[in-house]
Amino acid sequence: MTLIKACLNGSRVADAHSALPTTPEQLAEAAAQAVAAGAGALHIHPRRADGAQSLDAQRQAEALLAIRRRCPGVPIGVSTAIWIEPDPDARLAHVQSWTTLPDFASINFDEPGVGALGATLLTRGIGVEAGLSNETDVEALLSSGLAERLVRILIEPEPDEPEPTIHAAERVIQALDAAQVTAPRLLHGAEAATWPVLHLALTHGYDTRIGFEDTLFLPSGALAPSNAALVEAAVELAQSAGRW
C-alpha cells in the first residue's frame, strides 16, 4: 500500500491559508486530522512565536511532543533546509542540540554540508530522507556514502509546471535506476505540478506526499479546506489506481 505523508505547513506564511498550522497545537490538530484521513507519516516545519521557521531545539521539541500526544506511533519528520538556517555549521549545531528527536529528517542534496549533516543525523538515531531534484543531486548522493543508509529517497523535481516537472522526475528515476539505488522512493511535486506528479508516483508504485506545503488546492482546482481534505483526495486517487 502506498504511504501518503502529510506535509502540513512547509515554508508558507501564516496568512497563505486560514487553516495553515504554525503553532504546536495547530500542528497537532492538523496532524491528527491528516492521520485520520489516511496519512501514514508526517512532515513539519516547526516555527518560532513570530511564525518564522526554526531548527531551535525548543521549537522542535514543542512541535514534536504536541503531535506525538495526538498521534502516538506515527512517524514524524522535519526539514533541515538551508533557508531555515543558512550557515551549515550553525545548522549542524542545531541538530546536535536537539533534545526531542524526530523519527527522520530530510536533507537536500543540492545544499552544502549534506554529508556531515546526514552523518550527524544517523549518529543521533534520526532517519535520513534524501531530497533529490535532479541528476546532479543523484551524483551528490552517490558521493556522500549515504545512499545505503536512507529511510527513503524524496524525488522532488523543482519546476512547478506539470510537464517539465514530470520530465525532471523521470530523469531522476532513470539516474537512480542506473546507479542501482534501492532505497524506498517517495515522489511528489508542488503547486500546479502537485497532482500530476502524484499520479506519476502512483503509476510507478512509489510513496507520495500531500499537504499545504505542496499545494493549497484539491484536484478539482477548489481551495482545500484543510490538510486532511488533501490527504483524503490523495487516498481516493490511490484507491482508484489500486495502490491503497
Protein backbone atom coordinates (compact mmCIF):
# COMPACT_ATOMS: atom_id res chain seq x y z
CA MET A 1 0.00 0.00 0.00
CA THR A 2 1.19 3.48 -0.86
CA LEU A 3 2.47 5.58 2.03
CA ILE A 4 0.95 9.05 1.97
CA LYS A 5 2.96 11.52 4.01
CA ALA A 6 1.18 14.70 5.09
CA CYS A 7 3.37 17.80 4.71
CA LEU A 8 1.46 20.15 6.95
CA ASN A 9 2.95 23.62 6.56
CA GLY A 10 6.34 23.92 4.85
CA SER A 11 7.57 27.45 4.22
CA ARG A 12 4.18 29.04 3.65
CA VAL A 13 3.42 32.21 5.58
CA ALA A 14 0.59 32.12 8.10
CA ASP A 15 -1.82 34.17 6.00
CA ALA A 16 -1.49 31.85 2.98
CA HIS A 17 -4.48 29.86 4.27
CA SER A 18 -6.73 30.27 7.28
CA ALA A 19 -6.07 26.64 8.30
CA LEU A 20 -2.29 26.68 7.87
CA PRO A 21 -0.82 25.23 11.09
CA THR A 22 2.11 27.04 12.65
CA THR A 23 1.87 26.63 16.44
CA PRO A 24 2.48 23.28 18.13
CA GLU A 25 -1.22 22.98 18.98
CA GLN A 26 -2.28 23.75 15.42
CA LEU A 27 0.24 21.27 14.04
CA ALA A 28 -1.03 18.60 16.42
CA GLU A 29 -4.65 19.16 15.41
CA ALA A 30 -3.81 19.18 11.69
CA ALA A 31 -1.69 16.06 12.14
CA ALA A 32 -4.47 14.18 13.93
CA GLN A 33 -6.94 15.07 11.19
CA ALA A 34 -4.48 14.08 8.44
CA VAL A 35 -3.75 10.73 10.09
CA ALA A 36 -7.48 10.06 10.45
CA ALA A 37 -7.81 10.78 6.74
CA GLY A 38 -5.14 8.23 5.84
CA ALA A 39 -1.70 9.79 6.28
CA GLY A 40 0.89 7.27 7.44
CA ALA A 41 3.68 9.75 8.20
CA LEU A 42 4.03 13.48 8.84
CA HIS A 43 6.45 16.21 7.76
CA ILE A 44 6.59 19.55 9.58
CA HIS A 45 8.47 22.83 9.70
CA PRO A 46 8.40 23.98 13.36
CA ARG A 47 8.04 27.73 13.86
CA ARG A 48 9.02 30.43 16.31
CA ALA A 49 6.38 32.55 18.00
CA ASP A 50 6.67 35.08 15.15
CA GLY A 51 5.90 32.36 12.59
CA ALA A 52 9.43 32.04 11.22
CA GLN A 53 10.79 28.55 10.60
CA SER A 54 13.28 27.34 13.18
CA LEU A 55 15.71 24.49 13.89
CA ASP A 56 15.96 25.56 17.54
CA ALA A 57 15.82 22.63 19.97
CA GLN A 58 12.92 24.07 21.99
CA ARG A 59 10.80 24.82 18.91
CA GLN A 60 11.44 21.32 17.57
CA ALA A 61 10.58 19.71 20.90
CA GLU A 62 7.36 21.69 21.36
CA ALA A 63 6.04 20.71 17.94
CA LEU A 64 7.10 17.06 18.10
CA LEU A 65 5.75 16.47 21.59
CA ALA A 66 2.42 18.11 20.79
CA ILE A 67 1.96 15.94 17.71
CA ARG A 68 3.03 12.75 19.46
CA ARG A 69 0.43 13.31 22.16
CA ARG A 70 -2.26 13.34 19.47
CA CYS A 71 -0.70 10.85 17.02
CA PRO A 72 1.21 8.24 19.03
CA GLY A 73 3.31 5.93 16.92
CA VAL A 74 3.02 7.95 13.70
CA PRO A 75 6.48 8.74 12.25
CA ILE A 76 7.27 12.46 12.17
CA GLY A 77 9.92 14.11 10.05
CA VAL A 78 11.34 17.62 9.97
CA SER A 79 13.13 19.77 7.43
CA THR A 80 16.78 20.81 7.58
CA ALA A 81 16.57 23.13 4.56
CA ILE A 82 19.33 25.67 4.23
CA TRP A 83 16.89 28.56 4.01
CA ILE A 84 15.86 27.85 7.63
CA GLU A 85 19.48 28.21 8.79
CA PRO A 86 21.83 29.49 6.03
CA ASP A 87 25.05 28.66 7.91
CA PRO A 88 25.81 24.91 7.52
CA ASP A 89 27.84 24.87 10.75
CA ALA A 90 25.05 26.52 12.70
CA ARG A 91 22.57 24.11 11.17
CA LEU A 92 24.70 21.19 12.31
CA ALA A 93 24.95 22.67 15.80
CA HIS A 94 21.16 22.91 15.97
CA VAL A 95 20.78 19.24 15.06
CA GLN A 96 23.35 18.29 17.68
CA SER A 97 21.42 20.29 20.30
CA TRP A 98 18.03 18.66 19.71
CA THR A 99 16.66 17.04 22.87
CA THR A 100 13.44 15.65 21.42
CA LEU A 101 14.27 13.80 18.21
CA PRO A 102 12.17 13.41 15.08
CA ASP A 103 11.86 9.96 13.55
CA PHE A 104 13.52 11.23 10.38
CA ALA A 105 14.76 14.43 8.77
CA SER A 106 15.01 15.43 5.13
CA ILE A 107 18.24 16.79 3.68
CA ASN A 108 18.52 18.43 0.28
CA PHE A 109 21.46 17.21 -1.75
CA ASP A 110 21.88 20.50 -3.61
CA GLU A 111 22.93 22.19 -0.36
CA PRO A 112 26.38 22.49 1.25
CA GLY A 113 27.35 20.27 4.16
CA VAL A 114 24.93 17.43 3.48
CA GLY A 115 27.49 14.70 4.15
CA ALA A 116 28.24 15.90 7.67
CA LEU A 117 24.56 16.65 8.27
CA GLY A 118 23.48 13.16 7.21
CA ALA A 119 26.18 11.51 9.30
CA THR A 120 25.19 13.55 12.36
CA LEU A 121 21.52 12.67 11.97
CA LEU A 122 22.35 8.97 11.71
CA THR A 123 24.68 9.12 14.72
CA ARG A 124 21.81 10.62 16.72
CA GLY A 125 19.47 7.82 15.62
CA ILE A 126 17.44 10.02 13.28
CA GLY A 127 16.49 8.53 9.92
CA VAL A 128 17.59 10.35 6.79
CA GLU A 129 15.48 11.21 3.77
CA ALA A 130 17.49 12.30 0.74
CA GLY A 131 15.87 15.12 -1.22
CA LEU A 132 16.80 14.91 -4.90
CA SER A 133 15.58 17.35 -7.55
CA ASN A 134 17.85 16.47 -10.50
CA GLU A 135 20.56 14.12 -11.76
CA THR A 136 23.33 16.21 -10.16
CA ASP A 137 21.72 15.57 -6.79
CA VAL A 138 21.81 11.83 -7.52
CA GLU A 139 25.56 12.12 -8.12
CA ALA A 140 25.95 14.02 -4.84
CA LEU A 141 24.05 11.27 -3.02
CA LEU A 142 26.27 8.57 -4.50
CA SER A 143 29.38 10.51 -3.47
CA SER A 144 28.13 11.05 0.08
CA GLY A 145 28.23 7.43 1.18
CA LEU A 146 24.67 7.75 2.49
CA ALA A 147 22.81 6.01 -0.32
CA GLU A 148 22.57 2.68 1.52
CA ARG A 149 21.62 4.25 4.85
CA LEU A 150 18.41 6.08 3.98
CA VAL A 151 14.88 5.81 5.26
CA ARG A 152 13.78 6.85 1.79
CA ILE A 153 14.60 8.99 -1.21
CA LEU A 154 12.46 12.05 -1.88
CA ILE A 155 12.23 12.66 -5.60
CA GLU A 156 11.11 16.29 -5.66
CA PRO A 157 11.75 17.95 -9.03
CA GLU A 158 11.74 21.72 -8.88
CA PRO A 159 9.68 23.05 -11.81
CA ASP A 160 6.14 23.95 -10.83
CA GLU A 161 4.51 23.31 -14.21
CA PRO A 162 3.37 19.71 -14.77
CA GLU A 163 5.12 18.70 -17.99
CA PRO A 164 8.68 19.84 -17.18
CA THR A 165 8.31 18.57 -13.62
CA ILE A 166 7.30 15.11 -14.83
CA HIS A 167 10.22 15.04 -17.25
CA ALA A 168 12.61 16.10 -14.48
CA ALA A 169 11.23 13.38 -12.20
CA GLU A 170 11.70 10.72 -14.85
CA ARG A 171 15.34 11.77 -15.32
CA VAL A 172 15.98 11.39 -11.58
CA ILE A 173 14.29 7.99 -11.61
CA GLN A 174 16.45 6.88 -14.53
CA ALA A 175 19.61 8.06 -12.76
CA LEU A 176 18.67 6.17 -9.60
CA ASP A 177 17.88 3.04 -11.59
CA ALA A 178 21.18 3.28 -13.47
CA ALA A 179 23.05 3.57 -10.15
CA GLN A 180 21.03 0.68 -8.70
CA VAL A 181 19.98 2.70 -5.66
CA THR A 182 17.47 0.54 -3.82
CA ALA A 183 16.20 2.81 -1.02
CA PRO A 184 12.41 3.29 -0.94
CA ARG A 185 11.23 6.18 -3.10
CA LEU A 186 8.71 8.94 -2.46
CA LEU A 187 7.78 11.16 -5.39
CA HIS A 188 5.97 14.49 -5.09
CA GLY A 189 5.53 17.78 -6.86
CA ALA A 190 4.46 21.26 -5.86
CA GLU A 191 1.94 23.90 -6.83
CA ALA A 192 0.50 23.27 -10.33
CA ALA A 193 2.53 20.07 -10.66
CA THR A 194 1.32 18.54 -7.38
CA TRP A 195 -1.49 16.33 -8.61
CA PRO A 196 0.05 15.29 -11.97
CA VAL A 197 3.22 14.22 -10.14
CA LEU A 198 1.17 12.40 -7.51
CA HIS A 199 -0.46 10.46 -10.37
CA LEU A 200 3.04 9.64 -11.65
CA ALA A 201 4.06 8.39 -8.20
CA LEU A 202 1.08 6.05 -8.13
CA THR A 203 1.89 4.83 -11.64
CA HIS A 204 5.40 3.90 -10.51
CA GLY A 205 4.14 2.37 -7.26
CA TYR A 206 6.09 4.91 -5.20
CA ASP A 207 5.09 6.53 -1.94
CA THR A 208 3.97 10.15 -2.14
CA ARG A 209 3.05 13.15 -0.03
CA ILE A 210 0.43 15.86 0.04
CA GLY A 211 -0.40 18.85 2.19
CA PHE A 212 -0.32 22.61 2.41
CA GLU A 213 3.46 22.66 1.92
CA ASP A 214 2.95 21.46 -1.65
CA THR A 215 -0.46 22.82 -2.64
CA LEU A 216 -3.48 24.63 -1.30
CA PHE A 217 -5.80 23.18 -3.92
CA LEU A 218 -7.72 19.97 -4.48
CA PRO A 219 -7.52 18.08 -7.80
CA SER A 220 -10.72 19.90 -8.86
CA GLY A 221 -8.96 23.24 -8.51
CA ALA A 222 -11.02 24.22 -5.48
CA LEU A 223 -9.27 25.61 -2.41
CA ALA A 224 -8.74 22.78 0.07
CA PRO A 225 -10.30 23.48 3.47
CA SER A 226 -7.60 21.56 5.34
CA ASN A 227 -4.58 19.29 5.10
CA ALA A 228 -6.93 16.40 5.85
CA ALA A 229 -9.00 17.18 2.76
CA LEU A 230 -5.87 16.98 0.63
CA VAL A 231 -4.97 13.63 2.21
CA GLU A 232 -8.50 12.35 1.56
CA ALA A 233 -8.18 13.31 -2.11
CA ALA A 234 -4.82 11.54 -2.35
CA VAL A 235 -6.27 8.41 -0.76
CA GLU A 236 -9.11 8.41 -3.28
CA LEU A 237 -6.62 8.60 -6.14
CA ALA A 238 -4.51 5.83 -4.63
CA GLN A 239 -7.62 3.66 -4.28
CA SER A 240 -8.56 4.32 -7.91
CA ALA A 241 -5.04 3.34 -9.00
CA GLY A 242 -5.14 0.11 -6.97
CA ARG A 243 -2.37 1.38 -4.69
CA TRP A 244 -4.39 1.54 -1.47
